[in-house]
Amino acid sequence: MSSLDSLLVKTTSRLRALQQQATRRLVRGDSERGSITVEQILWVVAMIALVGIVVAAITAFINTQVGKIA
């Protein structure tokens, strides 16, 4: 068996294994894969929004107090 034939056999068997793995994943239904990442992103966005609201409230309060002094 030549090295080209050997490479062809290895490549074909690897492709078959990948096809079987993909088929198992589709049948098993990894529909929630990545949902943790999406949830974490949503929490980060919510926390950034909350911090923005707090900073805006503090800034408004300080500007009001400075306006009273001047």
C-alpha atoms as a PDB file:
ATOM      1  CA  MET A   1       0.000   0.000   0.000  1.00  0.00           C
ATOM      2  CA  SER A   2       1.467   3.345  -1.008  1.00  0.00           C
ATOM      3  CA  SER A   3       1.588   6.348   1.271  1.00  0.00           C
ATOM      4  CA  LEU A   4      -1.084   8.043  -0.846  1.00  0.00           C
ATOM      5  CA  ASP A   5      -3.415   5.061  -0.390  1.00  0.00           C
ATOM      6  CA  SER A   6      -2.707   5.076   3.320  1.00  0.00           C
ATOM      7  CA  LEU A   7      -3.488   8.783   3.534  1.00  0.00           C
ATOM      8  CA  LEU A   8      -6.702   8.260   1.598  1.00  0.00           C
ATOM      9  CA  VAL A   9      -7.807   5.456   3.941  1.00  0.00           C
ATOM     10  CA  LYS A  10      -7.038   7.559   7.051  1.00  0.00           C
ATOM     11  CA  THR A  11      -8.823  10.595   5.645  1.00  0.00           C
ATOM     12  CA  THR A  12     -11.867   8.563   4.638  1.00  0.00           C
ATOM     13  CA  SER A  13     -12.131   6.909   8.042  1.00  0.00           C
ATOM     14  CA  ARG A  14     -11.756  10.270   9.802  1.00  0.00           C
ATOM     15  CA  LEU A  15     -14.460  11.811   7.644  1.00  0.00           C
ATOM     16  CA  ARG A  16     -16.746   8.874   8.399  1.00  0.00           C
ATOM     17  CA  ALA A  17     -16.124   9.324  12.124  1.00  0.00           C
ATOM     18  CA  LEU A  18     -16.900  13.044  11.886  1.00  0.00           C
ATOM     19  CA  GLN A  19     -20.090  12.298   9.972  1.00  0.00           C
ATOM     20  CA  GLN A  20     -21.207   9.816  12.621  1.00  0.00           C
ATOM     21  CA  GLN A  21     -20.395  12.288  15.394  1.00  0.00           C
ATOM     22  CA  ALA A  22     -22.382  15.041  13.663  1.00  0.00           C
ATOM     23  CA  THR A  23     -25.307  12.682  13.140  1.00  0.00           C
ATOM     24  CA  ARG A  24     -25.291  11.682  16.828  1.00  0.00           C
ATOM     25  CA  ARG A  25     -25.280  15.326  17.889  1.00  0.00           C
ATOM     26  CA  LEU A  26     -28.187  16.137  15.605  1.00  0.00           C
ATOM     27  CA  VAL A  27     -30.189  13.153  16.796  1.00  0.00           C
ATOM     28  CA  ARG A  28     -29.378  13.810  20.454  1.00  0.00           C
ATOM     29  CA  GLY A  29     -30.379  17.446  20.014  1.00  0.00           C
ATOM     30  CA  ASP A  30     -27.913  19.780  21.647  1.00  0.00           C
ATOM     31  CA  SER A  31     -30.501  22.533  21.415  1.00  0.00           C
ATOM     32  CA  GLU A  32     -29.331  24.197  24.631  1.00  0.00           C
ATOM     33  CA  ARG A  33     -25.705  24.325  23.659  1.00  0.00           C
ATOM     34  CA  GLY A  34     -24.458  27.884  24.129  1.00  0.00           C
ATOM     35  CA  SER A  35     -27.407  28.958  26.259  1.00  0.00           C
ATOM     36  CA  ILE A  36     -25.147  29.556  29.254  1.00  0.00           C
ATOM     37  CA  THR A  37     -23.052  31.956  27.224  1.00  0.00           C
ATOM     38  CA  VAL A  38     -26.133  33.846  26.065  1.00  0.00           C
ATOM     39  CA  GLU A  39     -27.392  34.011  29.637  1.00  0.00           C
ATOM     40  CA  GLN A  40     -24.059  35.353  30.857  1.00  0.00           C
ATOM     41  CA  ILE A  41     -24.034  38.010  28.133  1.00  0.00           C
ATOM     42  CA  LEU A  42     -27.540  39.105  29.093  1.00  0.00           C
ATOM     43  CA  TRP A  43     -26.517  39.371  32.760  1.00  0.00           C
ATOM     44  CA  VAL A  44     -23.477  41.465  31.827  1.00  0.00           C
ATOM     45  CA  VAL A  45     -25.608  43.788  29.698  1.00  0.00           C
ATOM     46  CA  ALA A  46     -28.119  44.134  32.552  1.00  0.00           C
ATOM     47  CA  MET A  47     -25.345  44.932  35.040  1.00  0.00           C
ATOM     48  CA  ILE A  48     -23.824  47.537  32.708  1.00  0.00           C
ATOM     49  CA  ALA A  49     -27.253  49.147  32.318  1.00  0.00           C
ATOM     50  CA  LEU A  50     -27.737  49.150  36.093  1.00  0.00           C
ATOM     51  CA  VAL A  51     -24.348  50.754  36.655  1.00  0.00           C
ATOM     52  CA  GLY A  52     -25.181  53.353  34.007  1.00  0.00           C
ATOM     53  CA  ILE A  53     -28.433  54.199  35.795  1.00  0.00           C
ATOM     54  CA  VAL A  54     -26.664  54.524  39.146  1.00  0.00           C
ATOM     55  CA  VAL A  55     -23.935  56.736  37.666  1.00  0.00           C
ATOM     56  CA  ALA A  56     -26.576  58.933  35.986  1.00  0.00           C
ATOM     57  CA  ALA A  57     -28.497  59.264  39.273  1.00  0.00           C
ATOM     58  CA  ILE A  58     -25.358  60.184  41.236  1.00  0.00           C
ATOM     59  CA  THR A  59     -24.284  62.667  38.564  1.00  0.00           C
ATOM     60  CA  ALA A  60     -27.739  64.290  38.560  1.00  0.00           C
ATOM     61  CA  PHE A  61     -27.706  64.506  42.371  1.00  0.00           C
ATOM     62  CA  ILE A  62     -24.232  66.078  42.439  1.00  0.00           C
ATOM     63  CA  ASN A  63     -25.126  68.554  39.697  1.00  0.00           C
ATOM     64  CA  THR A  64     -28.272  69.552  41.630  1.00  0.00           C
ATOM     65  CA  GLN A  65     -26.269  70.085  44.830  1.00  0.00           C
ATOM     66  CA  VAL A  66     -23.616  72.112  42.985  1.00  0.00           C
ATOM     67  CA  GLY A  67     -26.385  74.206  41.435  1.00  0.00           C
ATOM     68  CA  LYS A  68     -27.701  75.021  44.934  1.00  0.00           C
ATOM     69  CA  ILE A  69     -24.249  76.140  46.115  1.00  0.00           C
ATOM     70  CA  ALA A  70     -23.584  78.465  43.187  1.00  0.00           C
END
